[in-house]
Amino acid sequence: MRILLVEDDIESRDALRRLLQKWGYDVAVAESLQRGLVLLETEHFNAILSDIALPDGTGYALVSEARRRADSVLAIALSAYPYPEDVRVPKLTGFDYHLQKPIDCARLQSLLQMESRRVVVN
């Protein structure tokens, strides 16, 4: 499974990339909205993990573009900010799931494993 990880904090980005690779995923990283959009344009991804607050925009804009392209992709928001209850409704944000930092690694792994099984079946 191929994952696009968009995170502006270098330490968080590197730690998540290493963890995802340890779990066996193929990971491309971006530090900004613009870099994430370039990767979406040139590569195919099964999942997007994106910080919400990026230096040049938001993770919402990234996922909106992925959805506009009709990409069937699992989208997981990552943020240090608590989410209001209505943000958990996927149609409001474009994200399928929202995880608050520090990330619950077991929850993240579970979500990715569910998607991996779906990708294999299709």
N, C-alpha and C. Protein backbone atom coordinates (compact mmCIF):
# COMPACT_ATOMS: atom_id res chain seq x y z
N MET A 1 0.85 -1.17 0.00
CA MET A 1 0.00 0.00 0.00
C MET A 1 0.89 1.24 0.00
N ARG A 2 0.53 2.21 -0.81
CA ARG A 2 1.30 3.44 -0.96
C ARG A 2 0.61 4.56 -0.19
N ILE A 3 1.39 5.27 0.65
CA ILE A 3 0.87 6.31 1.52
C ILE A 3 1.57 7.64 1.24
N LEU A 4 0.77 8.70 1.15
CA LEU A 4 1.31 10.06 1.10
C LEU A 4 1.21 10.64 2.50
N LEU A 5 2.35 11.00 3.06
CA LEU A 5 2.42 11.60 4.39
C LEU A 5 2.78 13.07 4.23
N VAL A 6 1.89 13.96 4.66
CA VAL A 6 2.13 15.39 4.56
C VAL A 6 2.18 15.97 5.98
N GLU A 7 3.36 16.39 6.38
CA GLU A 7 3.60 16.89 7.74
C GLU A 7 4.73 17.90 7.68
N ASP A 8 4.51 19.10 8.20
CA ASP A 8 5.53 20.13 8.13
C ASP A 8 6.60 20.03 9.21
N ASP A 9 6.29 19.40 10.32
CA ASP A 9 7.28 19.24 11.39
C ASP A 9 8.23 18.10 11.03
N ILE A 10 9.50 18.42 10.84
CA ILE A 10 10.46 17.43 10.35
C ILE A 10 10.60 16.23 11.28
N GLU A 11 10.61 16.47 12.58
CA GLU A 11 10.76 15.34 13.52
C GLU A 11 9.55 14.42 13.47
N SER A 12 8.35 15.00 13.46
CA SER A 12 7.13 14.19 13.37
C SER A 12 7.08 13.45 12.04
N ARG A 13 7.43 14.16 10.96
CA ARG A 13 7.40 13.55 9.63
C ARG A 13 8.36 12.36 9.54
N ASP A 14 9.58 12.54 10.03
CA ASP A 14 10.56 11.45 9.97
C ASP A 14 10.16 10.27 10.85
N ALA A 15 9.63 10.57 12.04
CA ALA A 15 9.22 9.49 12.94
C ALA A 15 8.05 8.70 12.34
N LEU A 16 7.07 9.40 11.78
CA LEU A 16 5.93 8.71 11.17
C LEU A 16 6.36 7.93 9.94
N ARG A 17 7.23 8.51 9.13
CA ARG A 17 7.72 7.81 7.93
C ARG A 17 8.41 6.51 8.32
N ARG A 18 9.29 6.57 9.32
CA ARG A 18 10.00 5.37 9.76
C ARG A 18 9.03 4.33 10.31
N LEU A 19 8.04 4.76 11.09
CA LEU A 19 7.06 3.84 11.65
C LEU A 19 6.26 3.17 10.54
N LEU A 20 5.78 3.96 9.59
CA LEU A 20 4.99 3.41 8.48
C LEU A 20 5.81 2.44 7.64
N GLN A 21 7.06 2.76 7.41
CA GLN A 21 7.93 1.86 6.65
C GLN A 21 8.20 0.59 7.43
N LYS A 22 8.36 0.71 8.74
CA LYS A 22 8.56 -0.47 9.59
C LYS A 22 7.35 -1.40 9.50
N TRP A 23 6.16 -0.82 9.36
CA TRP A 23 4.94 -1.61 9.22
C TRP A 23 4.79 -2.17 7.82
N GLY A 24 5.70 -1.83 6.91
CA GLY A 24 5.69 -2.41 5.58
C GLY A 24 5.06 -1.56 4.49
N TYR A 25 4.77 -0.30 4.77
CA TYR A 25 4.14 0.57 3.78
C TYR A 25 5.18 1.32 2.96
N ASP A 26 4.81 1.62 1.73
CA ASP A 26 5.61 2.44 0.83
C ASP A 26 5.16 3.88 1.07
N VAL A 27 6.07 4.75 1.50
CA VAL A 27 5.70 6.09 1.95
C VAL A 27 6.42 7.17 1.13
N ALA A 28 5.64 8.13 0.66
CA ALA A 28 6.18 9.35 0.07
C ALA A 28 5.88 10.48 1.05
N VAL A 29 6.82 11.39 1.24
CA VAL A 29 6.63 12.46 2.21
C VAL A 29 6.63 13.83 1.53
N ALA A 30 5.86 14.72 2.13
CA ALA A 30 5.81 16.11 1.70
C ALA A 30 5.77 16.98 2.94
N GLU A 31 6.40 18.15 2.85
CA GLU A 31 6.47 19.06 3.98
C GLU A 31 5.48 20.22 3.87
N SER A 32 4.75 20.26 2.76
CA SER A 32 3.85 21.39 2.52
C SER A 32 2.67 20.96 1.65
N LEU A 33 1.68 21.83 1.60
CA LEU A 33 0.53 21.59 0.74
C LEU A 33 0.98 21.49 -0.72
N GLN A 34 1.79 22.45 -1.16
CA GLN A 34 2.20 22.46 -2.57
C GLN A 34 2.96 21.20 -2.96
N ARG A 35 3.86 20.74 -2.11
CA ARG A 35 4.61 19.51 -2.41
C ARG A 35 3.66 18.31 -2.42
N GLY A 36 2.70 18.29 -1.50
CA GLY A 36 1.71 17.22 -1.49
C GLY A 36 0.89 17.20 -2.76
N LEU A 37 0.50 18.39 -3.25
CA LEU A 37 -0.27 18.48 -4.49
C LEU A 37 0.54 17.99 -5.69
N VAL A 38 1.84 18.30 -5.72
CA VAL A 38 2.70 17.82 -6.80
C VAL A 38 2.75 16.29 -6.78
N LEU A 39 2.90 15.72 -5.60
CA LEU A 39 2.95 14.25 -5.50
C LEU A 39 1.62 13.63 -5.91
N LEU A 40 0.50 14.26 -5.53
CA LEU A 40 -0.81 13.76 -5.96
C LEU A 40 -0.93 13.78 -7.48
N GLU A 41 -0.34 14.78 -8.10
CA GLU A 41 -0.40 14.93 -9.55
C GLU A 41 0.40 13.85 -10.27
N THR A 42 1.49 13.42 -9.66
CA THR A 42 2.43 12.54 -10.36
C THR A 42 2.42 11.08 -9.91
N GLU A 43 1.78 10.80 -8.77
CA GLU A 43 1.81 9.44 -8.23
C GLU A 43 0.42 9.01 -7.76
N HIS A 44 0.25 7.69 -7.60
CA HIS A 44 -1.00 7.15 -7.07
C HIS A 44 -0.78 6.73 -5.62
N PHE A 45 -1.76 7.05 -4.78
CA PHE A 45 -1.69 6.69 -3.36
C PHE A 45 -2.98 6.00 -2.94
N ASN A 46 -2.85 5.06 -2.02
CA ASN A 46 -4.00 4.38 -1.43
C ASN A 46 -4.49 5.10 -0.18
N ALA A 47 -3.58 5.86 0.44
CA ALA A 47 -3.92 6.57 1.68
C ALA A 47 -3.16 7.88 1.76
N ILE A 48 -3.79 8.85 2.41
CA ILE A 48 -3.16 10.13 2.70
C ILE A 48 -3.24 10.34 4.20
N LEU A 49 -2.10 10.64 4.80
CA LEU A 49 -2.03 11.06 6.20
C LEU A 49 -1.56 12.50 6.15
N SER A 50 -2.37 13.43 6.61
CA SER A 50 -1.99 14.83 6.49
C SER A 50 -2.27 15.61 7.74
N ASP A 51 -1.27 16.41 8.10
CA ASP A 51 -1.47 17.42 9.13
C ASP A 51 -2.50 18.40 8.59
N ILE A 52 -3.25 19.03 9.46
CA ILE A 52 -4.24 20.01 9.04
C ILE A 52 -3.58 21.36 8.77
N ALA A 53 -2.78 21.83 9.70
CA ALA A 53 -2.13 23.14 9.57
C ALA A 53 -0.77 22.98 8.89
N LEU A 54 -0.70 23.44 7.66
CA LEU A 54 0.53 23.38 6.88
C LEU A 54 1.00 24.81 6.63
N PRO A 55 2.29 25.01 6.36
CA PRO A 55 2.79 26.38 6.22
C PRO A 55 2.19 27.16 5.05
N ASP A 56 1.70 26.47 4.04
CA ASP A 56 1.18 27.15 2.86
C ASP A 56 -0.29 26.80 2.57
N GLY A 57 -0.98 26.29 3.55
CA GLY A 57 -2.39 25.94 3.34
C GLY A 57 -2.84 24.93 4.38
N THR A 58 -3.81 24.10 3.99
CA THR A 58 -4.35 23.14 4.94
C THR A 58 -4.43 21.74 4.33
N GLY A 59 -4.49 20.77 5.21
CA GLY A 59 -4.73 19.39 4.79
C GLY A 59 -6.10 19.25 4.14
N TYR A 60 -7.04 20.11 4.52
CA TYR A 60 -8.37 20.07 3.90
C TYR A 60 -8.27 20.34 2.40
N ALA A 61 -7.42 21.30 2.01
CA ALA A 61 -7.25 21.62 0.59
C ALA A 61 -6.63 20.43 -0.15
N LEU A 62 -5.69 19.76 0.49
CA LEU A 62 -5.06 18.59 -0.13
C LEU A 62 -6.08 17.48 -0.38
N VAL A 63 -6.86 17.16 0.63
CA VAL A 63 -7.85 16.09 0.50
C VAL A 63 -8.96 16.49 -0.47
N SER A 64 -9.32 17.75 -0.44
CA SER A 64 -10.32 18.23 -1.40
C SER A 64 -9.85 18.00 -2.83
N GLU A 65 -8.58 18.26 -3.10
CA GLU A 65 -8.04 18.03 -4.44
C GLU A 65 -8.02 16.55 -4.77
N ALA A 66 -7.65 15.72 -3.82
CA ALA A 66 -7.66 14.26 -4.05
C ALA A 66 -9.07 13.79 -4.35
N ARG A 67 -10.05 14.29 -3.64
CA ARG A 67 -11.44 13.90 -3.87
C ARG A 67 -11.95 14.44 -5.21
N ARG A 68 -11.53 15.66 -5.57
CA ARG A 68 -11.93 16.24 -6.85
C ARG A 68 -11.46 15.37 -8.02
N ARG A 69 -10.31 14.76 -7.85
CA ARG A 69 -9.77 13.88 -8.88
C ARG A 69 -10.46 12.52 -8.86
N ALA A 70 -11.41 12.35 -7.95
CA ALA A 70 -12.15 11.10 -7.79
C ALA A 70 -11.25 9.96 -7.35
N ASP A 71 -10.15 10.30 -6.69
CA ASP A 71 -9.29 9.25 -6.15
C ASP A 71 -10.00 8.57 -4.99
N SER A 72 -10.04 7.25 -5.05
CA SER A 72 -10.55 6.47 -3.93
C SER A 72 -9.38 6.26 -2.99
N VAL A 73 -9.31 7.09 -1.99
CA VAL A 73 -8.16 7.08 -1.10
C VAL A 73 -8.63 7.23 0.34
N LEU A 74 -8.00 6.48 1.23
CA LEU A 74 -8.25 6.65 2.66
C LEU A 74 -7.57 7.94 3.09
N ALA A 75 -8.29 8.83 3.72
CA ALA A 75 -7.73 10.11 4.15
C ALA A 75 -7.84 10.25 5.66
N ILE A 76 -6.68 10.40 6.30
CA ILE A 76 -6.62 10.52 7.76
C ILE A 76 -5.98 11.85 8.12
N ALA A 77 -6.71 12.67 8.87
CA ALA A 77 -6.21 13.96 9.33
C ALA A 77 -5.42 13.76 10.62
N LEU A 78 -4.33 14.51 10.72
CA LEU A 78 -3.50 14.50 11.92
C LEU A 78 -3.41 15.94 12.43
N SER A 79 -3.67 16.14 13.71
CA SER A 79 -3.58 17.49 14.23
C SER A 79 -3.36 17.50 15.73
N ALA A 80 -2.67 18.52 16.19
CA ALA A 80 -2.47 18.70 17.63
C ALA A 80 -3.68 19.38 18.26
N TYR A 81 -4.55 19.93 17.43
CA TYR A 81 -5.73 20.63 17.93
C TYR A 81 -6.88 19.66 18.14
N PRO A 82 -7.64 19.84 19.22
CA PRO A 82 -8.83 18.99 19.40
C PRO A 82 -9.86 19.32 18.33
N TYR A 83 -10.60 18.33 17.95
CA TYR A 83 -11.60 18.50 16.90
C TYR A 83 -12.98 18.68 17.49
N PRO A 84 -13.76 19.61 16.93
CA PRO A 84 -15.17 19.66 17.33
C PRO A 84 -15.87 18.41 16.82
N GLU A 85 -16.93 18.02 17.43
CA GLU A 85 -17.60 16.76 17.10
C GLU A 85 -18.02 16.68 15.64
N ASP A 86 -18.50 17.79 15.05
CA ASP A 86 -19.00 17.73 13.68
C ASP A 86 -17.90 17.52 12.64
N VAL A 87 -16.63 17.73 12.99
CA VAL A 87 -15.54 17.52 12.04
C VAL A 87 -15.35 16.03 11.74
N ARG A 88 -15.92 15.18 12.56
CA ARG A 88 -15.80 13.74 12.35
C ARG A 88 -16.71 13.24 11.22
N VAL A 89 -17.55 14.10 10.71
CA VAL A 89 -18.42 13.74 9.60
C VAL A 89 -17.61 13.91 8.31
N PRO A 90 -17.29 12.80 7.62
CA PRO A 90 -16.40 12.87 6.47
C PRO A 90 -16.81 13.87 5.40
N LYS A 91 -18.10 14.02 5.13
CA LYS A 91 -18.52 14.93 4.06
C LYS A 91 -18.22 16.38 4.40
N LEU A 92 -18.04 16.71 5.66
CA LEU A 92 -17.74 18.09 6.04
C LEU A 92 -16.29 18.45 5.78
N THR A 93 -15.39 17.51 5.89
CA THR A 93 -13.96 17.81 5.80
C THR A 93 -13.25 17.10 4.66
N GLY A 94 -13.82 16.02 4.17
CA GLY A 94 -13.14 15.21 3.15
C GLY A 94 -12.33 14.09 3.75
N PHE A 95 -11.98 14.20 5.02
CA PHE A 95 -11.21 13.16 5.68
C PHE A 95 -12.13 12.04 6.17
N ASP A 96 -11.61 10.82 6.12
CA ASP A 96 -12.37 9.68 6.63
C ASP A 96 -12.24 9.56 8.14
N TYR A 97 -11.07 9.92 8.65
CA TYR A 97 -10.78 9.82 10.09
C TYR A 97 -9.94 11.01 10.52
N HIS A 98 -10.05 11.34 11.80
CA HIS A 98 -9.25 12.41 12.40
C HIS A 98 -8.55 11.84 13.62
N LEU A 99 -7.24 11.97 13.66
CA LEU A 99 -6.45 11.51 14.80
C LEU A 99 -5.75 12.71 15.43
N GLN A 100 -5.90 12.82 16.73
CA GLN A 100 -5.28 13.93 17.45
C GLN A 100 -3.86 13.53 17.87
N LYS A 101 -2.92 14.47 17.74
CA LYS A 101 -1.55 14.24 18.17
C LYS A 101 -1.48 14.38 19.68
N PRO A 102 -0.66 13.61 20.37
CA PRO A 102 0.18 12.56 19.82
C PRO A 102 -0.69 11.41 19.29
N ILE A 103 -0.26 10.87 18.18
CA ILE A 103 -1.02 9.86 17.45
C ILE A 103 -1.11 8.56 18.24
N ASP A 104 -2.29 8.00 18.27
CA ASP A 104 -2.50 6.66 18.83
C ASP A 104 -2.06 5.68 17.74
N CYS A 105 -0.85 5.15 17.89
CA CYS A 105 -0.25 4.30 16.85
C CYS A 105 -1.07 3.03 16.59
N ALA A 106 -1.64 2.47 17.63
CA ALA A 106 -2.45 1.26 17.45
C ALA A 106 -3.68 1.58 16.60
N ARG A 107 -4.31 2.72 16.83
CA ARG A 107 -5.48 3.13 16.04
C ARG A 107 -5.08 3.38 14.59
N LEU A 108 -3.97 4.07 14.39
CA LEU A 108 -3.49 4.34 13.03
C LEU A 108 -3.21 3.04 12.31
N GLN A 109 -2.52 2.12 12.96
CA GLN A 109 -2.20 0.83 12.33
C GLN A 109 -3.47 0.07 11.98
N SER A 110 -4.45 0.10 12.85
CA SER A 110 -5.73 -0.57 12.60
C SER A 110 -6.42 0.00 11.36
N LEU A 111 -6.47 1.32 11.26
CA LEU A 111 -7.10 1.96 10.10
C LEU A 111 -6.38 1.60 8.80
N LEU A 112 -5.06 1.61 8.84
CA LEU A 112 -4.28 1.29 7.65
C LEU A 112 -4.42 -0.19 7.27
N GLN A 113 -4.49 -1.06 8.26
CA GLN A 113 -4.66 -2.48 7.97
C GLN A 113 -6.01 -2.75 7.33
N MET A 114 -7.06 -2.06 7.81
CA MET A 114 -8.38 -2.21 7.18
C MET A 114 -8.32 -1.78 5.72
N GLU A 115 -7.64 -0.68 5.44
CA GLU A 115 -7.53 -0.21 4.07
C GLU A 115 -6.69 -1.16 3.23
N SER A 116 -5.63 -1.70 3.80
CA SER A 116 -4.79 -2.65 3.08
C SER A 116 -5.59 -3.87 2.63
N ARG A 117 -6.44 -4.37 3.51
CA ARG A 117 -7.27 -5.52 3.16
C ARG A 117 -8.25 -5.17 2.05
N ARG A 118 -8.79 -3.96 2.10
CA ARG A 118 -9.72 -3.51 1.06
C ARG A 118 -9.01 -3.39 -0.28
N VAL A 119 -7.79 -2.86 -0.27
CA VAL A 119 -7.02 -2.69 -1.50
C VAL A 119 -6.69 -4.05 -2.12
N VAL A 120 -6.33 -5.02 -1.29
CA VAL A 120 -6.00 -6.35 -1.78
C VAL A 120 -7.21 -7.03 -2.41
N VAL A 121 -8.38 -6.85 -1.78
CA VAL A 121 -9.61 -7.49 -2.28
C VAL A 121 -10.01 -6.87 -3.62
N ASN A 122 -9.88 -5.59 -3.75
CA ASN A 122 -10.27 -4.91 -5.00
C ASN A 122 -9.16 -5.06 -5.97
